[in-house]
Every structure is written in structure tokens, then in C-alpha cells.
Amino acid sequence: TIRVWNETVSNLTLMALGSSAPEILLSLIEVCGHNFVAGDLGPSTIVGSAAFNMFIIMAICVYVIPDGEVRKIKHLRVFFVTAAWSIFAYIWLYMILAVFSPGVVQVWEGLLTLFFFP
């Protein structure tokens, strides 16, 4: 058999889609219901969910390692690429919501965001 997907990439993609799907759909419904103007729920829901995923879930992953056992990251390059894109995503979200067009998500911002994060 020929592997089409890299296992790490496919796992990261499925985990990201699975954990973020409710927030994204909720935000999409709100934006469509408010004539494409960001409401109070959308951006804060996405940022809050991402912060929860980043801090709480990582803390639990560190906490559940048994005493005396050491774990190391197997694929350090994948970790750094993921970390860099995560930081870029937070900066980009801030730029869209607070700098470029506060309170409104414009079509070009949405399309550019989709281009950045395939």
C-alpha cells in the first residue's frame, strides 16, 4: 500500500477539525444571522476555545505523566512548525478583529485566512 497522508499531519488535521468544529459552526451561524457583522459570541468563542485547548489540555497532558517518567517530543520539527503556525494564527486573528476592521469580518479577511490555514 502507498500512504497518501503523513500520519502526523492527518492526525493533527483531524484533531483540529474535531475539537474546533462546534465553535466554528456556532460562529458561522451567528455571522450569517447578523449580515456578516461579527457579533459578541463568534470571536470570543473561538479565542476562548483555542485558549482552553492550548492551556488546559496541554496542562492535563503534562500532569498525567507518571512520576519519574520522562517523555520527549519525537518529531521536534513538526512541533516547531505547529507552534509557529499557532502563534501566527493568534496574531492574525487579533489583526483581523482589532486592527484591520474592528467588529466586521470582511470577505478578503476570510479568504486570506482560508488561504493561510488549508
PDB file of N, CA and C in Angstrom:
ATOM      1  N   THR A   1       0.834  -1.197   0.000  1.00  0.00           N
ATOM      2  CA  THR A   1       0.000   0.000   0.000  1.00  0.00           C
ATOM      3  C   THR A   1       0.871   1.250   0.000  1.00  0.00           C
ATOM      4  N   ILE A   2       0.345   2.284  -0.591  1.00  0.00           N
ATOM      5  CA  ILE A   2       1.038   3.566  -0.648  1.00  0.00           C
ATOM      6  C   ILE A   2       0.318   4.535   0.279  1.00  0.00           C
ATOM      7  N   ARG A   3       1.084   5.121   1.194  1.00  0.00           N
ATOM      8  CA  ARG A   3       0.486   6.096   2.101  1.00  0.00           C
ATOM      9  C   ARG A   3       0.381   7.442   1.396  1.00  0.00           C
ATOM     10  N   VAL A   4      -0.827   7.966   1.381  1.00  0.00           N
ATOM     11  CA  VAL A   4      -1.056   9.255   0.745  1.00  0.00           C
ATOM     12  C   VAL A   4      -0.827  10.373   1.746  1.00  0.00           C
ATOM     13  N   TRP A   5      -1.249  10.169   2.980  1.00  0.00           N
ATOM     14  CA  TRP A   5      -1.146  11.189   4.026  1.00  0.00           C
ATOM     15  C   TRP A   5      -0.024  10.841   4.987  1.00  0.00           C
ATOM     16  N   ASN A   6       0.683  11.835   5.433  1.00  0.00           N
ATOM     17  CA  ASN A   6       1.614  11.680   6.536  1.00  0.00           C
ATOM     18  C   ASN A   6       0.769  11.489   7.793  1.00  0.00           C
ATOM     19  N   GLU A   7       1.069  10.495   8.603  1.00  0.00           N
ATOM     20  CA  GLU A   7       0.242  10.195   9.775  1.00  0.00           C
ATOM     21  C   GLU A   7       0.157  11.371  10.740  1.00  0.00           C
ATOM     22  N   THR A   8       1.260  12.055  10.958  1.00  0.00           N
ATOM     23  CA  THR A   8       1.265  13.189  11.882  1.00  0.00           C
ATOM     24  C   THR A   8       0.365  14.301  11.377  1.00  0.00           C
ATOM     25  N   VAL A   9       0.476  14.617  10.103  1.00  0.00           N
ATOM     26  CA  VAL A   9      -0.343  15.691   9.526  1.00  0.00           C
ATOM     27  C   VAL A   9      -1.816  15.318   9.562  1.00  0.00           C
ATOM     28  N   SER A  10      -2.140  14.092   9.214  1.00  0.00           N
ATOM     29  CA  SER A  10      -3.546  13.690   9.215  1.00  0.00           C
ATOM     30  C   SER A  10      -4.117  13.678  10.628  1.00  0.00           C
ATOM     31  N   ASN A  11      -3.357  13.229  11.603  1.00  0.00           N
ATOM     32  CA  ASN A  11      -3.835  13.243  12.989  1.00  0.00           C
ATOM     33  C   ASN A  11      -4.036  14.663  13.495  1.00  0.00           C
ATOM     34  N   LEU A  12      -3.084  15.558  13.216  1.00  0.00           N
ATOM     35  CA  LEU A  12      -3.231  16.950  13.645  1.00  0.00           C
ATOM     36  C   LEU A  12      -4.434  17.607  12.980  1.00  0.00           C
ATOM     37  N   THR A  13      -4.639  17.330  11.709  1.00  0.00           N
ATOM     38  CA  THR A  13      -5.761  17.925  10.987  1.00  0.00           C
ATOM     39  C   THR A  13      -7.089  17.437  11.542  1.00  0.00           C
ATOM     40  N   LEU A  14      -7.218  16.138  11.750  1.00  0.00           N
ATOM     41  CA  LEU A  14      -8.468  15.597  12.280  1.00  0.00           C
ATOM     42  C   LEU A  14      -8.735  16.068  13.702  1.00  0.00           C
ATOM     43  N   MET A  15      -7.702  16.152  14.521  1.00  0.00           N
ATOM     44  CA  MET A  15      -7.888  16.650  15.888  1.00  0.00           C
ATOM     45  C   MET A  15      -8.312  18.116  15.881  1.00  0.00           C
ATOM     46  N   ALA A  16      -7.701  18.910  15.023  1.00  0.00           N
ATOM     47  CA  ALA A  16      -8.059  20.329  14.949  1.00  0.00           C
ATOM     48  C   ALA A  16      -9.496  20.500  14.474  1.00  0.00           C
ATOM     49  N   LEU A  17      -9.881  19.772  13.441  1.00  0.00           N
ATOM     50  CA  LEU A  17     -11.250  19.880  12.940  1.00  0.00           C
ATOM     51  C   LEU A  17     -12.260  19.370  13.959  1.00  0.00           C
ATOM     52  N   GLY A  18     -11.959  18.261  14.590  1.00  0.00           N
ATOM     53  CA  GLY A  18     -12.885  17.692  15.559  1.00  0.00           C
ATOM     54  C   GLY A  18     -13.078  18.545  16.795  1.00  0.00           C
ATOM     55  N   SER A  19     -12.005  19.143  17.281  1.00  0.00           N
ATOM     56  CA  SER A  19     -12.125  19.938  18.506  1.00  0.00           C
ATOM     57  C   SER A  19     -12.654  21.340  18.248  1.00  0.00           C
ATOM     58  N   SER A  20     -12.539  21.834  17.031  1.00  0.00           N
ATOM     59  CA  SER A  20     -12.956  23.208  16.732  1.00  0.00           C
ATOM     60  C   SER A  20     -14.264  23.302  15.963  1.00  0.00           C
ATOM     61  N   ALA A  21     -14.789  22.204  15.487  1.00  0.00           N
ATOM     62  CA  ALA A  21     -15.993  22.245  14.657  1.00  0.00           C
ATOM     63  C   ALA A  21     -17.184  22.916  15.345  1.00  0.00           C
ATOM     64  N   PRO A  22     -17.499  22.610  16.605  1.00  0.00           N
ATOM     65  CA  PRO A  22     -18.665  23.277  17.224  1.00  0.00           C
ATOM     66  C   PRO A  22     -18.522  24.795  17.297  1.00  0.00           C
ATOM     67  N   GLU A  23     -17.348  25.275  17.671  1.00  0.00           N
ATOM     68  CA  GLU A  23     -17.153  26.725  17.779  1.00  0.00           C
ATOM     69  C   GLU A  23     -17.220  27.394  16.414  1.00  0.00           C
ATOM     70  N   ILE A  24     -16.617  26.769  15.433  1.00  0.00           N
ATOM     71  CA  ILE A  24     -16.615  27.354  14.096  1.00  0.00           C
ATOM     72  C   ILE A  24     -18.035  27.414  13.537  1.00  0.00           C
ATOM     73  N   LEU A  25     -18.799  26.340  13.687  1.00  0.00           N
ATOM     74  CA  LEU A  25     -20.172  26.342  13.186  1.00  0.00           C
ATOM     75  C   LEU A  25     -21.045  27.337  13.940  1.00  0.00           C
ATOM     76  N   LEU A  26     -20.879  27.429  15.252  1.00  0.00           N
ATOM     77  CA  LEU A  26     -21.636  28.399  16.039  1.00  0.00           C
ATOM     78  C   LEU A  26     -21.312  29.823  15.603  1.00  0.00           C
ATOM     79  N   SER A  27     -20.061  30.104  15.386  1.00  0.00           N
ATOM     80  CA  SER A  27     -19.649  31.436  14.933  1.00  0.00           C
ATOM     81  C   SER A  27     -20.161  31.723  13.528  1.00  0.00           C
ATOM     82  N   LEU A  28     -20.125  30.732  12.658  1.00  0.00           N
ATOM     83  CA  LEU A  28     -20.617  30.903  11.292  1.00  0.00           C
ATOM     84  C   LEU A  28     -22.110  31.208  11.284  1.00  0.00           C
ATOM     85  N   ILE A  29     -22.872  30.501  12.105  1.00  0.00           N
ATOM     86  CA  ILE A  29     -24.313  30.757  12.199  1.00  0.00           C
ATOM     87  C   ILE A  29     -24.575  32.174  12.695  1.00  0.00           C
ATOM     88  N   GLU A  30     -23.814  32.614  13.691  1.00  0.00           N
ATOM     89  CA  GLU A  30     -24.013  33.964  14.221  1.00  0.00           C
ATOM     90  C   GLU A  30     -23.665  35.030  13.186  1.00  0.00           C
ATOM     91  N   VAL A  31     -22.548  34.854  12.492  1.00  0.00           N
ATOM     92  CA  VAL A  31     -22.137  35.841  11.493  1.00  0.00           C
ATOM     93  C   VAL A  31     -23.161  35.909  10.357  1.00  0.00           C
ATOM     94  N   CYS A  32     -23.647  34.773   9.909  1.00  0.00           N
ATOM     95  CA  CYS A  32     -24.651  34.774   8.839  1.00  0.00           C
ATOM     96  C   CYS A  32     -25.959  35.408   9.307  1.00  0.00           C
ATOM     97  N   GLY A  33     -26.297  35.261  10.575  1.00  0.00           N
ATOM     98  CA  GLY A  33     -27.520  35.847  11.117  1.00  0.00           C
ATOM     99  C   GLY A  33     -27.433  37.334  11.380  1.00  0.00           C
ATOM    100  N   HIS A  34     -26.231  37.906  11.391  1.00  0.00           N
ATOM    101  CA  HIS A  34     -26.045  39.338  11.657  1.00  0.00           C
ATOM    102  C   HIS A  34     -25.515  40.085  10.434  1.00  0.00           C
ATOM    103  N   ASN A  35     -25.916  39.649   9.239  1.00  0.00           N
ATOM    104  CA  ASN A  35     -25.493  40.301   7.988  1.00  0.00           C
ATOM    105  C   ASN A  35     -23.974  40.413   7.872  1.00  0.00           C
ATOM    106  N   PHE A  36     -23.281  39.357   8.228  1.00  0.00           N
ATOM    107  CA  PHE A  36     -21.828  39.250   8.115  1.00  0.00           C
ATOM    108  C   PHE A  36     -21.076  40.277   8.958  1.00  0.00           C
ATOM    109  N   VAL A  37     -21.669  40.669  10.071  1.00  0.00           N
ATOM    110  CA  VAL A  37     -21.007  41.514  11.063  1.00  0.00           C
ATOM    111  C   VAL A  37     -20.743  40.634  12.274  1.00  0.00           C
ATOM    112  N   ALA A  38     -19.524  40.655  12.776  1.00  0.00           N
ATOM    113  CA  ALA A  38     -19.167  39.814  13.917  1.00  0.00           C
ATOM    114  C   ALA A  38     -19.973  40.227  15.139  1.00  0.00           C
ATOM    115  N   GLY A  39     -20.610  39.269  15.772  1.00  0.00           N
ATOM    116  CA  GLY A  39     -21.367  39.538  16.985  1.00  0.00           C
ATOM    117  C   GLY A  39     -20.500  39.349  18.213  1.00  0.00           C
ATOM    118  N   ASP A  40     -21.148  39.348  19.370  1.00  0.00           N
ATOM    119  CA  ASP A  40     -20.413  39.185  20.621  1.00  0.00           C
ATOM    120  C   ASP A  40     -19.941  37.755  20.831  1.00  0.00           C
ATOM    121  N   LEU A  41     -20.661  36.808  20.274  1.00  0.00           N
ATOM    122  CA  LEU A  41     -20.380  35.406  20.550  1.00  0.00           C
ATOM    123  C   LEU A  41     -19.244  34.838  19.712  1.00  0.00           C
ATOM    124  N   GLY A  42     -19.198  35.137  18.430  1.00  0.00           N
ATOM    125  CA  GLY A  42     -18.279  34.488  17.499  1.00  0.00           C
ATOM    126  C   GLY A  42     -16.813  34.565  17.833  1.00  0.00           C
ATOM    127  N   PRO A  43     -16.207  35.749  17.774  1.00  0.00           N
ATOM    128  CA  PRO A  43     -14.760  35.840  18.008  1.00  0.00           C
ATOM    129  C   PRO A  43     -14.347  35.388  19.406  1.00  0.00           C
ATOM    130  N   SER A  44     -15.140  35.752  20.407  1.00  0.00           N
ATOM    131  CA  SER A  44     -14.768  35.367  21.773  1.00  0.00           C
ATOM    132  C   SER A  44     -14.891  33.862  21.979  1.00  0.00           C
ATOM    133  N   THR A  45     -15.834  33.227  21.295  1.00  0.00           N
ATOM    134  CA  THR A  45     -15.970  31.772  21.391  1.00  0.00           C
ATOM    135  C   THR A  45     -14.755  31.075  20.805  1.00  0.00           C
ATOM    136  N   ILE A  46     -14.313  31.522  19.657  1.00  0.00           N
ATOM    137  CA  ILE A  46     -13.162  30.893  19.005  1.00  0.00           C
ATOM    138  C   ILE A  46     -11.888  31.115  19.815  1.00  0.00           C
ATOM    139  N   VAL A  47     -11.675  32.348  20.261  1.00  0.00           N
ATOM    140  CA  VAL A  47     -10.468  32.644  21.044  1.00  0.00           C
ATOM    141  C   VAL A  47     -10.495  31.901  22.374  1.00  0.00           C
ATOM    142  N   GLY A  48     -11.642  31.872  23.028  1.00  0.00           N
ATOM    143  CA  GLY A  48     -11.753  31.160  24.305  1.00  0.00           C
ATOM    144  C   GLY A  48     -11.529  29.668  24.156  1.00  0.00           C
ATOM    145  N   SER A  49     -12.080  29.086  23.113  1.00  0.00           N
ATOM    146  CA  SER A  49     -11.887  27.661  22.867  1.00  0.00           C
ATOM    147  C   SER A  49     -10.430  27.346  22.558  1.00  0.00           C
ATOM    148  N   ALA A  50      -9.807  28.189  21.754  1.00  0.00           N
ATOM    149  CA  ALA A  50      -8.398  27.971  21.420  1.00  0.00           C
ATOM    150  C   ALA A  50      -7.517  28.110  22.657  1.00  0.00           C
ATOM    151  N   ALA A  51      -7.817  29.094  23.504  1.00  0.00           N
ATOM    152  CA  ALA A  51      -7.039  29.264  24.734  1.00  0.00           C
ATOM    153  C   ALA A  51      -7.227  28.064  25.651  1.00  0.00           C
ATOM    154  N   PHE A  52      -8.462  27.574  25.762  1.00  0.00           N
ATOM    155  CA  PHE A  52      -8.721  26.387  26.579  1.00  0.00           C
ATOM    156  C   PHE A  52      -7.939  25.197  26.044  1.00  0.00           C
ATOM    157  N   ASN A  53      -8.028  24.974  24.736  1.00  0.00           N
ATOM    158  CA  ASN A  53      -7.307  23.851  24.137  1.00  0.00           C
ATOM    159  C   ASN A  53      -5.808  23.977  24.351  1.00  0.00           C
ATOM    160  N   MET A  54      -5.307  25.187  24.232  1.00  0.00           N
ATOM    161  CA  MET A  54      -3.866  25.382  24.335  1.00  0.00           C
ATOM    162  C   MET A  54      -3.361  25.201  25.765  1.00  0.00           C
ATOM    163  N   PHE A  55      -4.050  25.776  26.731  1.00  0.00           N
ATOM    164  CA  PHE A  55      -3.535  25.769  28.100  1.00  0.00           C
ATOM    165  C   PHE A  55      -4.022  24.580  28.928  1.00  0.00           C
ATOM    166  N   ILE A  56      -5.306  24.340  28.989  1.00  0.00           N
ATOM    167  CA  ILE A  56      -5.845  23.297  29.861  1.00  0.00           C
ATOM    168  C   ILE A  56      -5.483  21.907  29.354  1.00  0.00           C
ATOM    169  N   ILE A  57      -5.690  21.658  28.081  1.00  0.00           N
ATOM    170  CA  ILE A  57      -5.397  20.325  27.551  1.00  0.00           C
ATOM    171  C   ILE A  57      -3.903  20.029  27.615  1.00  0.00           C
ATOM    172  N   MET A  58      -3.071  21.019  27.328  1.00  0.00           N
ATOM    173  CA  MET A  58      -1.627  20.809  27.455  1.00  0.00           C
ATOM    174  C   MET A  58      -1.242  20.553  28.910  1.00  0.00           C
ATOM    175  N   ALA A  59      -1.867  21.259  29.833  1.00  0.00           N
ATOM    176  CA  ALA A  59      -1.577  21.049  31.256  1.00  0.00           C
ATOM    177  C   ALA A  59      -1.966  19.638  31.685  1.00  0.00           C
ATOM    178  N   ILE A  60      -3.091  19.153  31.213  1.00  0.00           N
ATOM    179  CA  ILE A  60      -3.519  17.789  31.549  1.00  0.00           C
ATOM    180  C   ILE A  60      -2.545  16.773  30.960  1.00  0.00           C
ATOM    181  N   CYS A  61      -2.098  17.002  29.732  1.00  0.00           N
ATOM    182  CA  CYS A  61      -1.131  16.087  29.107  1.00  0.00           C
ATOM    183  C   CYS A  61       0.166  16.013  29.903  1.00  0.00           C
ATOM    184  N   VAL A  62       0.594  17.132  30.454  1.00  0.00           N
ATOM    185  CA  VAL A  62       1.813  17.148  31.268  1.00  0.00           C
ATOM    186  C   VAL A  62       1.551  16.498  32.623  1.00  0.00           C
ATOM    187  N   TYR A  63       0.388  16.727  33.187  1.00  0.00           N
ATOM    188  CA  TYR A  63       0.065  16.248  34.533  1.00  0.00           C
ATOM    189  C   TYR A  63      -0.068  14.726  34.601  1.00  0.00           C
ATOM    190  N   VAL A  64      -0.586  14.093  33.563  1.00  0.00           N
ATOM    191  CA  VAL A  64      -0.862  12.658  33.616  1.00  0.00           C
ATOM    192  C   VAL A  64       0.369  11.776  33.416  1.00  0.00           C
ATOM    193  N   ILE A  65       1.518  12.358  33.130  1.00  0.00           N
ATOM    194  CA  ILE A  65       2.742  11.560  33.007  1.00  0.00           C
ATOM    195  C   ILE A  65       3.118  11.053  34.397  1.00  0.00           C
ATOM    196  N   PRO A  66       3.313   9.741  34.549  1.00  0.00           N
ATOM    197  CA  PRO A  66       3.645   9.192  35.869  1.00  0.00           C
ATOM    198  C   PRO A  66       4.945   9.777  36.429  1.00  0.00           C
ATOM    199  N   ASP A  67       5.030   9.824  37.759  1.00  0.00           N
ATOM    200  CA  ASP A  67       6.227  10.344  38.423  1.00  0.00           C
ATOM    201  C   ASP A  67       7.452   9.518  38.033  1.00  0.00           C
ATOM    202  N   GLY A  68       8.536  10.206  37.765  1.00  0.00           N
ATOM    203  CA  GLY A  68       9.784   9.543  37.417  1.00  0.00           C
ATOM    204  C   GLY A  68       9.916   9.190  35.946  1.00  0.00           C
ATOM    205  N   GLU A  69       8.854   9.340  35.195  1.00  0.00           N
ATOM    206  CA  GLU A  69       8.902   9.027  33.768  1.00  0.00           C
ATOM    207  C   GLU A  69       9.150  10.309  32.974  1.00  0.00           C
ATOM    208  N   VAL A  70       9.975  10.200  31.950  1.00  0.00           N
ATOM    209  CA  VAL A  70      10.307  11.356  31.118  1.00  0.00           C
ATOM    210  C   VAL A  70       9.801  11.095  29.707  1.00  0.00           C
ATOM    211  N   ARG A  71       9.128  12.068  29.143  1.00  0.00           N
ATOM    212  CA  ARG A  71       8.653  11.962  27.765  1.00  0.00           C
ATOM    213  C   ARG A  71       9.338  13.021  26.921  1.00  0.00           C
ATOM    214  N   LYS A  72       9.628  12.672  25.695  1.00  0.00           N
ATOM    215  CA  LYS A  72      10.260  13.613  24.776  1.00  0.00           C
ATOM    216  C   LYS A  72       9.430  13.705  23.504  1.00  0.00           C
ATOM    217  N   ILE A  73       9.535  14.825  22.844  1.00  0.00           N
ATOM    218  CA  ILE A  73       8.853  15.018  21.570  1.00  0.00           C
ATOM    219  C   ILE A  73       9.626  14.245  20.508  1.00  0.00           C
ATOM    220  N   LYS A  74       8.930  13.354  19.796  1.00  0.00           N
ATOM    221  CA  LYS A  74       9.601  12.526  18.797  1.00  0.00           C
ATOM    222  C   LYS A  74       9.989  13.317  17.556  1.00  0.00           C
ATOM    223  N   HIS A  75       9.092  14.147  17.099  1.00  0.00           N
ATOM    224  CA  HIS A  75       9.316  14.900  15.862  1.00  0.00           C
ATOM    225  C   HIS A  75       9.396  16.381  16.215  1.00  0.00           C
ATOM    226  N   LEU A  76      10.585  16.831  16.550  1.00  0.00           N
ATOM    227  CA  LEU A  76      10.776  18.199  17.022  1.00  0.00           C
ATOM    228  C   LEU A  76      10.460  19.232  15.939  1.00  0.00           C
ATOM    229  N   ARG A  77      10.776  18.932  14.694  1.00  0.00           N
ATOM    230  CA  ARG A  77      10.481  19.879  13.610  1.00  0.00           C
ATOM    231  C   ARG A  77       8.983  20.085  13.445  1.00  0.00           C
ATOM    232  N   VAL A  78       8.213  19.007  13.552  1.00  0.00           N
ATOM    233  CA  VAL A  78       6.754  19.115  13.457  1.00  0.00           C
ATOM    234  C   VAL A  78       6.220  19.961  14.603  1.00  0.00           C
ATOM    235  N   PHE A  79       6.774  19.779  15.794  1.00  0.00           N
ATOM    236  CA  PHE A  79       6.361  20.571  16.954  1.00  0.00           C
ATOM    237  C   PHE A  79       6.616  22.054  16.719  1.00  0.00           C
ATOM    238  N   PHE A  80       7.795  22.401  16.217  1.00  0.00           N
ATOM    239  CA  PHE A  80       8.119  23.813  15.999  1.00  0.00           C
ATOM    240  C   PHE A  80       7.265  24.436  14.894  1.00  0.00           C
ATOM    241  N   VAL A  81       6.999  23.684  13.844  1.00  0.00           N
ATOM    242  CA  VAL A  81       6.133  24.202  12.783  1.00  0.00           C
ATOM    243  C   VAL A  81       4.722  24.435  13.325  1.00  0.00           C
ATOM    244  N   THR A  82       4.211  23.481  14.086  1.00  0.00           N
ATOM    245  CA  THR A  82       2.883  23.631  14.681  1.00  0.00           C
ATOM    246  C   THR A  82       2.838  24.810  15.640  1.00  0.00           C
ATOM    247  N   ALA A  83       3.853  24.961  16.466  1.00  0.00           N
ATOM    248  CA  ALA A  83       3.899  26.077  17.416  1.00  0.00           C
ATOM    249  C   ALA A  83       3.969  27.417  16.691  1.00  0.00           C
ATOM    250  N   ALA A  84       4.782  27.499  15.653  1.00  0.00           N
ATOM    251  CA  ALA A  84       4.911  28.758  14.911  1.00  0.00           C
ATOM    252  C   ALA A  84       3.598  29.136  14.237  1.00  0.00           C
ATOM    253  N   TRP A  85       2.926  28.174  13.615  1.00  0.00           N
ATOM    254  CA  TRP A  85       1.647  28.477  12.970  1.00  0.00           C
ATOM    255  C   TRP A  85       0.566  28.804  13.992  1.00  0.00           C
ATOM    256  N   SER A  86       0.626  28.208  15.168  1.00  0.00           N
ATOM    257  CA  SER A  86      -0.343  28.543  16.217  1.00  0.00           C
ATOM    258  C   SER A  86      -0.174  29.985  16.669  1.00  0.00           C
ATOM    259  N   ILE A  87       1.051  30.400  16.866  1.00  0.00           N
ATOM    260  CA  ILE A  87       1.314  31.792  17.261  1.00  0.00           C
ATOM    261  C   ILE A  87       0.884  32.740  16.147  1.00  0.00           C
ATOM    262  N   PHE A  88       1.194  32.387  14.906  1.00  0.00           N
ATOM    263  CA  PHE A  88       0.767  33.208  13.778  1.00  0.00           C
ATOM    264  C   PHE A  88      -0.754  33.312  13.715  1.00  0.00           C
ATOM    265  N   ALA A  89      -1.449  32.210  14.012  1.00  0.00           N
ATOM    266  CA  ALA A  89      -2.914  32.226  13.975  1.00  0.00           C
ATOM    267  C   ALA A  89      -3.480  33.200  15.001  1.00  0.00           C
ATOM    268  N   TYR A  90      -2.923  33.228  16.204  1.00  0.00           N
ATOM    269  CA  TYR A  90      -3.386  34.177  17.222  1.00  0.00           C
ATOM    270  C   TYR A  90      -3.116  35.617  16.794  1.00  0.00           C
ATOM    271  N   ILE A  91      -1.952  35.865  16.252  1.00  0.00           N
ATOM    272  CA  ILE A  91      -1.624  37.224  15.797  1.00  0.00           C
ATOM    273  C   ILE A  91      -2.542  37.627  14.648  1.00  0.00           C
ATOM    274  N   TRP A  92      -2.764  36.724  13.706  1.00  0.00           N
ATOM    275  CA  TRP A  92      -3.630  37.019  12.570  1.00  0.00           C
ATOM    276  C   TRP A  92      -5.061  37.294  13.031  1.00  0.00           C
ATOM    277  N   LEU A  93      -5.565  36.500  13.970  1.00  0.00           N
ATOM    278  CA  LEU A  93      -6.917  36.713  14.491  1.00  0.00           C
ATOM    279  C   LEU A  93      -7.030  38.077  15.155  1.00  0.00           C
ATOM    280  N   TYR A  94      -6.023  38.453  15.917  1.00  0.00           N
ATOM    281  CA  TYR A  94      -6.019  39.782  16.542  1.00  0.00           C
ATOM    282  C   TYR A  94      -6.016  40.878  15.482  1.00  0.00           C
ATOM    283  N   MET A  95      -5.198  40.717  14.456  1.00  0.00           N
ATOM    284  CA  MET A  95      -5.117  41.732  13.403  1.00  0.00           C
ATOM    285  C   MET A  95      -6.464  41.899  12.694  1.00  0.00           C
ATOM    286  N   ILE A  96      -7.136  40.788  12.414  1.00  0.00           N
ATOM    287  CA  ILE A  96      -8.433  40.857  11.741  1.00  0.00           C
ATOM    288  C   ILE A  96      -9.471  41.534  12.629  1.00  0.00           C
ATOM    289  N   LEU A  97      -9.530  41.128  13.893  1.00  0.00           N
ATOM    290  CA  LEU A  97     -10.616  41.575  14.765  1.00  0.00           C
ATOM    291  C   LEU A  97     -10.389  42.938  15.391  1.00  0.00           C
ATOM    292  N   ALA A  98      -9.154  43.371  15.533  1.00  0.00           N
ATOM    293  CA  ALA A  98      -8.904  44.622  16.251  1.00  0.00           C
ATOM    294  C   ALA A  98      -8.210  45.697  15.425  1.00  0.00           C
ATOM    295  N   VAL A  99      -7.493  45.327  14.382  1.00  0.00           N
ATOM    296  CA  VAL A  99      -6.691  46.317  13.666  1.00  0.00           C
ATOM    297  C   VAL A  99      -7.300  46.664  12.303  1.00  0.00           C
ATOM    298  N   PHE A 100      -7.477  45.670  11.437  1.00  0.00           N
ATOM    299  CA  PHE A 100      -7.908  45.939  10.067  1.00  0.00           C
ATOM    300  C   PHE A 100      -9.335  46.466   9.988  1.00  0.00           C
ATOM    301  N   SER A 101     -10.262  45.739  10.575  1.00  0.00           N
ATOM    302  CA  SER A 101     -11.674  46.147  10.508  1.00  0.00           C
ATOM    303  C   SER A 101     -12.375  45.720  11.798  1.00  0.00           C
ATOM    304  N   PRO A 102     -12.248  46.513  12.856  1.00  0.00           N
ATOM    305  CA  PRO A 102     -12.840  46.147  14.148  1.00  0.00           C
ATOM    306  C   PRO A 102     -14.351  45.927  14.046  1.00  0.00           C
ATOM    307  N   GLY A 103     -14.788  44.778  14.556  1.00  0.00           N
ATOM    308  CA  GLY A 103     -16.213  44.474  14.594  1.00  0.00           C
ATOM    309  C   GLY A 103     -16.794  43.904  13.320  1.00  0.00           C
ATOM    310  N   VAL A 104     -16.022  43.854  12.244  1.00  0.00           N
ATOM    311  CA  VAL A 104     -16.529  43.347  10.969  1.00  0.00           C
ATOM    312  C   VAL A 104     -15.490  42.402  10.375  1.00  0.00           C
ATOM    313  N   VAL A 105     -15.948  41.237   9.942  1.00  0.00           N
ATOM    314  CA  VAL A 105     -15.071  40.317   9.222  1.00  0.00           C
ATOM    315  C   VAL A 105     -15.368  40.494   7.744  1.00  0.00           C
ATOM    316  N   GLN A 106     -14.417  41.038   7.024  1.00  0.00           N
ATOM    317  CA  GLN A 106     -14.617  41.296   5.602  1.00  0.00           C
ATOM    318  C   GLN A 106     -14.293  40.051   4.788  1.00  0.00           C
ATOM    319  N   VAL A 107     -14.813  40.013   3.581  1.00  0.00           N
ATOM    320  CA  VAL A 107     -14.643  38.841   2.723  1.00  0.00           C
ATOM    321  C   VAL A 107     -13.170  38.570   2.454  1.00  0.00           C
ATOM    322  N   TRP A 108     -12.380  39.588   2.175  1.00  0.00           N
ATOM    323  CA  TRP A 108     -10.964  39.373   1.876  1.00  0.00           C
ATOM    324  C   TRP A 108     -10.232  38.801   3.081  1.00  0.00           C
ATOM    325  N   GLU A 109     -10.650  39.184   4.294  1.00  0.00           N
ATOM    326  CA  GLU A 109     -10.020  38.635   5.501  1.00  0.00           C
ATOM    327  C   GLU A 109     -10.330  37.151   5.640  1.00  0.00           C
ATOM    328  N   GLY A 110     -11.573  36.790   5.373  1.00  0.00           N
ATOM    329  CA  GLY A 110     -11.953  35.388   5.439  1.00  0.00           C
ATOM    330  C   GLY A 110     -11.242  34.539   4.405  1.00  0.00           C
ATOM    331  N   LEU A 111     -11.168  35.045   3.183  1.00  0.00           N
ATOM    332  CA  LEU A 111     -10.488  34.300   2.118  1.00  0.00           C
ATOM    333  C   LEU A 111      -8.996  34.162   2.390  1.00  0.00           C
ATOM    334  N   LEU A 112      -8.386  35.227   2.872  1.00  0.00           N
ATOM    335  CA  LEU A 112      -6.962  35.165   3.189  1.00  0.00           C
ATOM    336  C   LEU A 112      -6.699  34.201   4.348  1.00  0.00           C
ATOM    337  N   THR A 113      -7.614  34.171   5.309  1.00  0.00           N
ATOM    338  CA  THR A 113      -7.482  33.233   6.424  1.00  0.00           C
ATOM    339  C   THR A 113      -7.563  31.796   5.919  1.00  0.00           C
ATOM    340  N   LEU A 114      -8.500  31.521   5.024  1.00  0.00           N
ATOM    341  CA  LEU A 114      -8.587  30.178   4.443  1.00  0.00           C
ATOM    342  C   LEU A 114      -7.331  29.828   3.655  1.00  0.00           C
ATOM    343  N   PHE A 115      -6.748  30.803   2.991  1.00  0.00           N
ATOM    344  CA  PHE A 115      -5.515  30.573   2.243  1.00  0.00           C
ATOM    345  C   PHE A 115      -4.350  30.259   3.183  1.00  0.00           C
ATOM    346  N   PHE A 116      -4.286  30.950   4.328  1.00  0.00           N
ATOM    347  CA  PHE A 116      -3.204  30.722   5.289  1.00  0.00           C
ATOM    348  C   PHE A 116      -3.275  29.345   5.931  1.00  0.00           C
ATOM    349  N   PHE A 117      -4.468  28.885   6.229  1.00  0.00           N
ATOM    350  CA  PHE A 117      -4.641  27.659   7.006  1.00  0.00           C
ATOM    351  C   PHE A 117      -5.455  26.637   6.225  1.00  0.00           C
ATOM    352  N   PRO A 118      -4.828  25.953   5.270  1.00  0.00           N
ATOM    353  CA  PRO A 118      -5.578  24.986   4.455  1.00  0.00           C
ATOM    354  C   PRO A 118      -5.944  23.738   5.235  1.00  0.00           C
TER     355      PRO A 118
END
